[in-house]
Every structure is written in C-alpha cells, then in structure tokens.
Amino acid sequence: MSWQPPEQIKLQRSFPGWATAFLVVGSVCTALGFVARDYFFVAFPFVLLALALWLNSRKALTLRFDPDGIADVSSGKRIAYRDITHLRLTEQILFDQGSVDRRPEMIIGHRHGVIVLPRGFQLPRMEFYNYLLEKSTLLAPPSTFPGRLKEAYEQEVQDFGPAQVLASIGRDLDPLEAPSGRKLFTLSTVFIVSAFIAWVGNANRELVTVYTVVASFTLLLGLLFLPLFGRHRKLIRKLRAESGIIISPRGLTLESPSLKGVLRWSEVRGMILVNRMNALVRGLLLKIEGSQFLIGDHYACPLNEIWRRIDENVAHEKQ
C-alpha cells in the first residue's frame, strides 16, 4: 500500500446552506417588524428552522489514524478497521472516480454508527477508499452464510481457489439509508412553537391560524408515514439478514428471501446501474435471456467489487 492518510484530520462544524437562507429571511422579517409588528412573528418559523438545521448539522470532528483503526479524538471513541461494515457515497451506486467527482458525502459505516465526511472535504477520496477497503475485512469471506451458501462457497474455493472467489452477506442498515419521520416532526414542532408565540403575542389571527394548520398537517403526515417508514426499514433489515452472494469464474450464486439460485456467466446479456434513492430498488440490474433481476446494494462488500468481478468474468466467458 503506497498511499497513506494524514496522521490526523479535522472537520469544522458545518452551517447548512438552507439554514443560512432561513436565517437571512428571518433577519429581513425581523427588520420589517419595526415597520409592521406582525413581521416579528413571521420571522419566528424561519429562525427556528435555521436553528433546527444547525443543531442537526454535522458536528466538529477530529479523526486520527493508526495502524489498527480510527480514533475519534472529539468523543474519545475508537473504530477498529475490522469493525467497518460498509463504505459508500450518498446518492451514488458505485464508489468510482466519476461518482467522487460529483462531490457527494462519503459514508464510513461501522458497528456503532457512521462517520460522514462532507462534500467539500479535501482528501483524495479514491485513495482513501482503497486504503480503508484494504484495512477492513469487507472483502474477506463471512464467518456465517445464509441458507446453503456455505457449501457452495466451499465448493467454489476448492475448484478455483480463494483468490478467485468473492463471498459476501448483507450489511447493517445505517441511519442515513432509510427515511424517517424526523423532518416532518421537526417541521411540525417549529410551527407549533411559532403558533403559540404568535397567539401569546396577540399577532394577527390569520397568522396564528396558518401556523396551526401547517403544524397540524405536518404532524398528521408524520404520524401517517411513521408506520410506513418503520416497515421500510424492517424490510431492508430482513432482506439483508437473509441475503448472500458468491461470485466465481463458474458463475454467480445468490441467496435472498425472494431469489435463490445459480447464474452462469454465459447467460448474462448485460448489466446496468439502477441509481435510486430507495435502498430496496438500488443496485446492479443483470439482464438475462427473457428476464432480468436486481443485485441490490445490500452487501458488506462494496458494489464496486461486485460490478468488477461480474464484468471480468462475463468478458472472460465471451472470449
């Protein structure tokens, strides 16, 4: 390994762009309040939204790298490289140079949560990704397999050797991968507080009514969507807990709740990326004769490596 990360990196606390915009609007409304009193109450939701975004923004972070792991100097916690559960980019399927150039956030998942490196973070992303990938155990065979994949893996290793066989199982769900009702409940709280302040301050009755309606509507939406969000997370966790994949020169062996079987490379007609926000329908779409199926972005092994292994084996089969 030639590239090495700096001994220590520091991330300053960010102030989200939307928070700045809300704060500017709130300040303008506050200034107008000296002309027309009700503008003071119009400013409240914008200022509260800016405050909420700031409180939920990425905190200041200092990371130190040592031979065995990453130390979070800010909190005193330490993440061993072997505890890294996944590496990904937000809003992107593959961790490649093209995706990195779009400046998404980099997510380092570990057993106790995630580390989020911001879009503008000055660090060579691909080199850093390859460093963490080599240090971690993401490409190592899992200790347990779902279904009957263990027997299939042992047979493939016996026939082709461990270097030519990739095996992986479903990874943990990190909090940034699935939707939640937090934003709706935050918005509802902001307008509940704004309505109360406007009512106590004898603001225009219509303004109080508007704030009350918005607060009620967003609270209702949050309550309606909360079970759906919970079911969505449950489905992803169940899918990943029962999923596994093996890739060898012979073919691809898949185990999941909805799809089990072996695919020979001669059957593959094409492969495209499906880049969706929904984690259940995001991944690699393999086209076969008369059908197609999705290899979801659910595995501990990065989708980059799965893509590369499939592409190499299919190309070798066509020679």
Protein backbone atom coordinates (compact mmCIF):
# COMPACT_ATOMS: atom_id res chain seq x y z
CA MET A 1 0.00 0.00 0.00
CA SER A 2 1.65 3.25 -1.14
CA TRP A 3 -0.86 5.96 -0.22
CA GLN A 4 -1.30 6.72 3.47
CA PRO A 5 -3.81 9.11 5.09
CA PRO A 6 -2.55 12.05 7.15
CA GLU A 7 -1.98 11.26 10.80
CA GLN A 8 -4.93 13.44 11.77
CA ILE A 9 -7.75 15.26 10.00
CA LYS A 10 -10.03 17.97 11.36
CA LEU A 11 -13.56 18.75 10.21
CA GLN A 12 -15.13 22.01 11.27
CA ARG A 13 -18.79 22.19 12.21
CA SER A 14 -20.84 22.95 9.14
CA PHE A 15 -23.62 25.51 8.78
CA PRO A 16 -26.09 24.15 6.19
CA GLY A 17 -26.95 26.30 3.20
CA TRP A 18 -30.67 26.09 3.92
CA ALA A 19 -30.03 27.26 7.49
CA THR A 20 -28.27 30.33 6.11
CA ALA A 21 -31.16 31.03 3.74
CA PHE A 22 -33.76 30.70 6.52
CA LEU A 23 -31.68 32.90 8.80
CA VAL A 24 -31.43 35.62 6.13
CA VAL A 25 -35.20 35.56 5.55
CA GLY A 26 -35.81 35.61 9.31
CA SER A 27 -33.48 38.60 9.69
CA VAL A 28 -35.25 40.51 6.92
CA CYS A 29 -38.65 39.79 8.53
CA THR A 30 -37.29 40.93 11.92
CA ALA A 31 -36.15 44.20 10.37
CA LEU A 32 -39.57 44.68 8.76
CA GLY A 33 -41.11 44.06 12.18
CA PHE A 34 -40.09 47.56 13.21
CA VAL A 35 -42.43 48.84 10.48
CA ALA A 36 -45.25 46.30 10.82
CA ARG A 37 -45.33 44.34 14.11
CA ASP A 38 -46.65 41.07 12.67
CA TYR A 39 -43.43 40.58 10.73
CA PHE A 40 -41.73 39.74 14.03
CA PHE A 41 -43.97 36.66 14.24
CA VAL A 42 -43.39 35.84 10.56
CA ALA A 43 -39.67 35.68 11.36
CA PHE A 44 -40.07 33.03 14.07
CA PRO A 45 -40.52 29.89 11.91
CA PHE A 46 -37.57 30.83 9.70
CA VAL A 47 -35.28 31.44 12.66
CA LEU A 48 -36.43 28.21 14.35
CA LEU A 49 -35.88 26.22 11.15
CA ALA A 50 -32.36 27.64 10.86
CA LEU A 51 -31.71 26.67 14.49
CA ALA A 52 -33.07 23.15 13.95
CA LEU A 53 -30.89 22.63 10.87
CA TRP A 54 -27.83 23.87 12.73
CA LEU A 55 -28.49 21.59 15.72
CA ASN A 56 -28.80 18.60 13.35
CA SER A 57 -25.79 19.51 11.22
CA ARG A 58 -22.50 17.65 11.24
CA LYS A 59 -20.54 18.38 14.41
CA ALA A 60 -16.86 19.30 14.53
CA LEU A 61 -14.77 16.16 14.19
CA THR A 62 -11.12 15.24 14.63
CA LEU A 63 -10.02 11.84 13.37
CA ARG A 64 -6.65 10.22 14.00
CA PHE A 65 -5.48 7.20 12.00
CA ASP A 66 -3.31 4.50 13.50
CA PRO A 67 -2.31 1.03 12.21
CA ASP A 68 -5.38 -0.69 13.70
CA GLY A 69 -8.20 1.83 13.46
CA ILE A 70 -9.62 5.33 13.50
CA ALA A 71 -9.75 7.31 16.73
CA ASP A 72 -12.42 9.98 17.12
CA VAL A 73 -10.46 12.49 19.19
CA SER A 74 -13.58 14.62 19.72
CA SER A 75 -15.54 11.90 21.52
CA GLY A 76 -12.77 9.57 22.63
CA LYS A 77 -14.27 6.66 20.66
CA ARG A 78 -12.20 4.34 18.51
CA ILE A 79 -13.30 2.39 15.45
CA ALA A 80 -11.18 -0.62 14.55
CA TYR A 81 -10.76 -1.20 10.81
CA ARG A 82 -12.22 -4.67 11.25
CA ASP A 83 -15.42 -3.04 12.57
CA ILE A 84 -16.06 -1.12 9.34
CA THR A 85 -19.32 -2.50 7.92
CA HIS A 86 -19.53 -0.58 4.64
CA LEU A 87 -18.12 2.24 2.55
CA ARG A 88 -20.38 4.26 0.26
CA LEU A 89 -21.16 7.63 -1.26
CA THR A 90 -24.51 9.33 -0.72
CA GLU A 91 -26.75 9.40 -3.80
CA GLN A 92 -24.32 7.19 -5.76
CA ILE A 93 -24.20 3.47 -6.52
CA LEU A 94 -20.52 2.99 -7.26
CA PHE A 95 -17.54 4.40 -5.42
CA ASP A 96 -15.59 5.33 -8.56
CA GLN A 97 -13.81 8.41 -9.86
CA GLY A 98 -16.88 9.65 -11.71
CA SER A 99 -19.01 9.47 -8.57
CA VAL A 100 -16.30 11.06 -6.43
CA ASP A 101 -16.03 13.99 -8.84
CA ARG A 102 -19.70 14.81 -8.16
CA ARG A 103 -18.60 15.58 -4.57
CA PRO A 104 -21.13 13.53 -2.59
CA GLU A 105 -20.70 12.79 1.09
CA MET A 106 -18.57 9.78 1.99
CA ILE A 107 -20.09 7.36 4.50
CA ILE A 108 -17.91 5.11 6.65
CA GLY A 109 -20.27 2.67 8.34
CA HIS A 110 -19.14 0.84 11.46
CA ARG A 111 -20.71 -1.31 14.16
CA HIS A 112 -21.72 1.66 16.28
CA GLY A 113 -22.93 4.13 13.65
CA VAL A 114 -21.48 6.14 10.77
CA ILE A 115 -18.80 8.71 10.06
CA VAL A 116 -19.86 11.28 7.45
CA LEU A 117 -17.17 13.12 5.52
CA PRO A 118 -18.66 16.23 3.83
CA ARG A 119 -18.78 17.03 0.13
CA GLY A 120 -16.02 19.61 0.22
CA PHE A 121 -13.64 17.56 2.35
CA GLN A 122 -10.11 17.89 0.98
CA LEU A 123 -8.84 14.32 0.82
CA PRO A 124 -8.19 12.12 -2.23
CA ARG A 125 -11.36 10.06 -1.99
CA MET A 126 -10.39 7.09 -4.16
CA GLU A 127 -7.04 6.67 -2.40
CA PHE A 128 -8.74 6.96 0.99
CA TYR A 129 -11.44 4.48 -0.07
CA ASN A 130 -8.85 1.94 -1.27
CA TYR A 131 -6.88 2.41 1.95
CA LEU A 132 -9.92 1.69 4.13
CA LEU A 133 -11.02 -1.19 1.90
CA GLU A 134 -7.62 -2.88 2.25
CA LYS A 135 -7.51 -2.28 6.00
CA SER A 136 -11.05 -3.54 6.58
CA THR A 137 -12.47 -7.06 6.26
CA LEU A 138 -15.14 -6.09 3.71
CA LEU A 139 -13.67 -8.37 1.03
CA ALA A 140 -12.99 -11.27 3.42
CA PRO A 141 -15.40 -14.22 3.38
CA PRO A 142 -18.03 -14.03 6.13
CA SER A 143 -17.91 -16.35 9.12
CA THR A 144 -21.56 -17.37 8.61
CA PHE A 145 -23.67 -17.73 5.46
CA PRO A 146 -27.43 -17.63 4.95
CA GLY A 147 -29.17 -20.68 3.54
CA ARG A 148 -26.89 -23.19 1.85
CA LEU A 149 -24.27 -20.71 0.65
CA LYS A 150 -21.55 -22.14 2.89
CA GLU A 151 -21.49 -25.41 0.95
CA ALA A 152 -21.50 -23.50 -2.35
CA TYR A 153 -18.63 -21.28 -1.19
CA GLU A 154 -16.50 -24.22 -0.05
CA GLN A 155 -17.05 -25.96 -3.41
CA GLU A 156 -16.08 -22.84 -5.39
CA VAL A 157 -12.93 -22.33 -3.28
CA GLN A 158 -12.00 -25.97 -3.75
CA ASP A 159 -12.38 -25.65 -7.55
CA PHE A 160 -10.89 -22.19 -8.14
CA GLY A 161 -9.00 -21.11 -5.01
CA PRO A 162 -9.93 -18.36 -2.53
CA ALA A 163 -8.42 -15.52 -4.60
CA GLN A 164 -10.90 -16.08 -7.42
CA VAL A 165 -14.00 -16.42 -5.24
CA LEU A 166 -15.79 -13.45 -3.70
CA ALA A 167 -18.37 -14.05 -0.97
CA SER A 168 -20.37 -11.50 0.98
CA ILE A 169 -23.52 -11.24 3.08
CA GLY A 170 -25.95 -8.42 3.83
CA ARG A 171 -24.66 -5.44 5.81
CA ASP A 172 -26.27 -3.49 8.63
CA LEU A 173 -28.70 -0.68 7.83
CA ASP A 174 -27.17 2.67 8.67
CA PRO A 175 -29.44 5.55 9.80
CA LEU A 176 -28.87 7.54 6.59
CA GLU A 177 -30.09 4.79 4.25
CA ALA A 178 -33.77 4.73 5.19
CA PRO A 179 -36.33 7.54 5.56
CA SER A 180 -37.74 8.57 8.93
CA GLY A 181 -40.41 10.96 10.15
CA ARG A 182 -37.89 13.16 11.95
CA LYS A 183 -38.02 16.03 9.44
CA LEU A 184 -41.81 16.14 9.46
CA PHE A 185 -41.96 16.12 13.27
CA THR A 186 -39.29 18.84 13.43
CA LEU A 187 -41.29 20.98 10.99
CA SER A 188 -44.46 20.39 13.00
CA THR A 189 -42.70 21.39 16.24
CA VAL A 190 -41.40 24.59 14.64
CA PHE A 191 -44.90 25.68 13.62
CA ILE A 192 -46.47 24.63 16.91
CA VAL A 193 -43.98 26.85 18.76
CA SER A 194 -44.48 29.66 16.23
CA ALA A 195 -48.28 29.44 16.56
CA PHE A 196 -48.04 29.56 20.36
CA ILE A 197 -45.71 32.58 20.32
CA ALA A 198 -47.93 34.37 17.80
CA TRP A 199 -51.02 33.64 19.93
CA VAL A 200 -49.36 34.82 23.17
CA GLY A 201 -48.09 37.94 21.41
CA ASN A 202 -51.57 38.80 20.06
CA ALA A 203 -50.42 38.54 16.45
CA ASN A 204 -52.81 38.67 13.53
CA ARG A 205 -55.39 35.90 13.98
CA GLU A 206 -54.94 34.73 10.40
CA LEU A 207 -51.22 34.19 11.01
CA VAL A 208 -51.97 32.07 14.09
CA THR A 209 -54.45 30.06 12.02
CA VAL A 210 -51.94 29.47 9.22
CA TYR A 211 -49.27 28.28 11.66
CA THR A 212 -51.78 25.98 13.40
CA VAL A 213 -52.91 24.45 10.09
CA VAL A 214 -49.33 23.87 8.89
CA ALA A 215 -48.36 22.35 12.28
CA SER A 216 -51.41 20.05 12.26
CA PHE A 217 -50.87 18.98 8.65
CA THR A 218 -47.17 18.13 9.07
CA LEU A 219 -47.88 16.33 12.36
CA LEU A 220 -50.59 14.28 10.66
CA LEU A 221 -48.26 13.42 7.77
CA GLY A 222 -45.59 12.35 10.23
CA LEU A 223 -48.00 10.09 12.10
CA LEU A 224 -49.30 8.60 8.82
CA PHE A 225 -45.85 7.94 7.37
CA LEU A 226 -44.21 6.72 10.58
CA PRO A 227 -45.53 3.12 10.25
CA LEU A 228 -44.55 3.09 6.54
CA PHE A 229 -41.02 4.24 7.33
CA GLY A 230 -40.77 1.62 10.06
CA ARG A 231 -41.98 -1.11 7.70
CA HIS A 232 -39.49 0.06 5.06
CA ARG A 233 -36.57 -0.25 7.50
CA LYS A 234 -37.84 -3.63 8.67
CA LEU A 235 -37.99 -4.94 5.10
CA ILE A 236 -34.44 -3.81 4.37
CA ARG A 237 -33.10 -5.39 7.58
CA LYS A 238 -34.91 -8.67 6.87
CA LEU A 239 -33.68 -8.72 3.27
CA ARG A 240 -30.07 -8.12 4.28
CA ALA A 241 -30.15 -10.61 7.13
CA GLU A 242 -31.16 -13.36 4.67
CA SER A 243 -29.02 -12.30 1.69
CA GLY A 244 -25.68 -13.57 0.46
CA ILE A 245 -23.74 -13.64 -2.81
CA ILE A 246 -20.88 -15.73 -4.22
CA ILE A 247 -19.02 -14.81 -7.41
CA SER A 248 -16.56 -17.22 -9.02
CA PRO A 249 -15.28 -17.99 -12.53
CA ARG A 250 -18.12 -20.51 -12.78
CA GLY A 251 -20.97 -18.09 -12.11
CA LEU A 252 -22.97 -16.20 -9.52
CA THR A 253 -24.76 -17.85 -6.62
CA LEU A 254 -27.42 -15.75 -4.91
CA GLU A 255 -29.40 -16.24 -1.72
CA SER A 256 -32.22 -13.85 -0.75
CA PRO A 257 -35.81 -14.05 0.54
CA SER A 258 -37.20 -13.66 -2.98
CA LEU A 259 -34.48 -15.12 -5.21
CA LYS A 260 -32.22 -18.15 -4.84
CA GLY A 261 -30.12 -19.90 -7.43
CA VAL A 262 -27.05 -20.06 -9.65
CA LEU A 263 -26.42 -17.96 -12.75
CA ARG A 264 -23.79 -18.97 -15.32
CA TRP A 265 -21.85 -16.17 -16.99
CA SER A 266 -22.91 -17.36 -20.43
CA GLU A 267 -26.49 -16.42 -19.50
CA VAL A 268 -25.71 -12.75 -18.81
CA ARG A 269 -26.72 -10.39 -21.63
CA GLY A 270 -25.92 -7.07 -19.98
CA MET A 271 -25.58 -5.13 -16.74
CA ILE A 272 -26.73 -1.60 -15.90
CA LEU A 273 -26.76 0.59 -12.80
CA VAL A 274 -30.03 1.42 -11.06
CA ASN A 275 -29.32 4.55 -9.03
CA ARG A 276 -32.44 5.14 -6.93
CA MET A 277 -32.94 6.82 -3.57
CA ASN A 278 -34.90 3.82 -2.31
CA ALA A 279 -32.44 1.29 -0.88
CA LEU A 280 -34.76 -1.60 -1.82
CA VAL A 281 -34.52 -0.94 -5.58
CA ARG A 282 -30.94 0.30 -5.94
CA GLY A 283 -28.10 -1.75 -7.35
CA LEU A 284 -26.95 -3.68 -10.45
CA LEU A 285 -29.58 -4.89 -12.89
CA LEU A 286 -28.45 -8.07 -14.65
CA LYS A 287 -30.14 -8.84 -17.94
CA ILE A 288 -30.50 -12.49 -18.92
CA GLU A 289 -32.37 -14.21 -21.72
CA GLY A 290 -36.04 -13.24 -21.37
CA SER A 291 -35.70 -11.75 -17.90
CA GLN A 292 -33.70 -9.56 -15.53
CA PHE A 293 -33.01 -9.33 -11.81
CA LEU A 294 -31.50 -6.87 -9.40
CA ILE A 295 -28.39 -7.35 -7.28
CA GLY A 296 -29.20 -4.81 -4.61
CA ASP A 297 -26.73 -2.56 -2.83
CA HIS A 298 -27.15 -4.58 0.36
CA TYR A 299 -23.82 -6.30 0.87
CA ALA A 300 -20.84 -5.62 3.10
CA CYS A 301 -18.66 -5.95 0.01
CA PRO A 302 -18.84 -2.66 -1.93
CA LEU A 303 -20.89 -2.81 -5.10
CA ASN A 304 -17.74 -1.68 -6.97
CA GLU A 305 -16.10 -5.04 -6.37
CA ILE A 306 -19.23 -6.99 -7.27
CA TRP A 307 -19.51 -4.98 -10.50
CA ARG A 308 -15.82 -5.54 -11.32
CA ARG A 309 -15.90 -9.29 -10.68
CA ILE A 310 -19.06 -9.78 -12.76
CA ASP A 311 -17.70 -7.66 -15.61
CA GLU A 312 -14.39 -9.54 -15.68
CA ASN A 313 -16.00 -12.98 -15.57
CA VAL A 314 -18.57 -12.16 -18.25
CA ALA A 315 -15.84 -10.72 -20.50
CA HIS A 316 -13.69 -13.84 -19.98
CA GLU A 317 -16.66 -16.08 -20.81
CA LYS A 318 -17.15 -14.28 -24.15
CA GLN A 319 -13.55 -14.75 -25.23
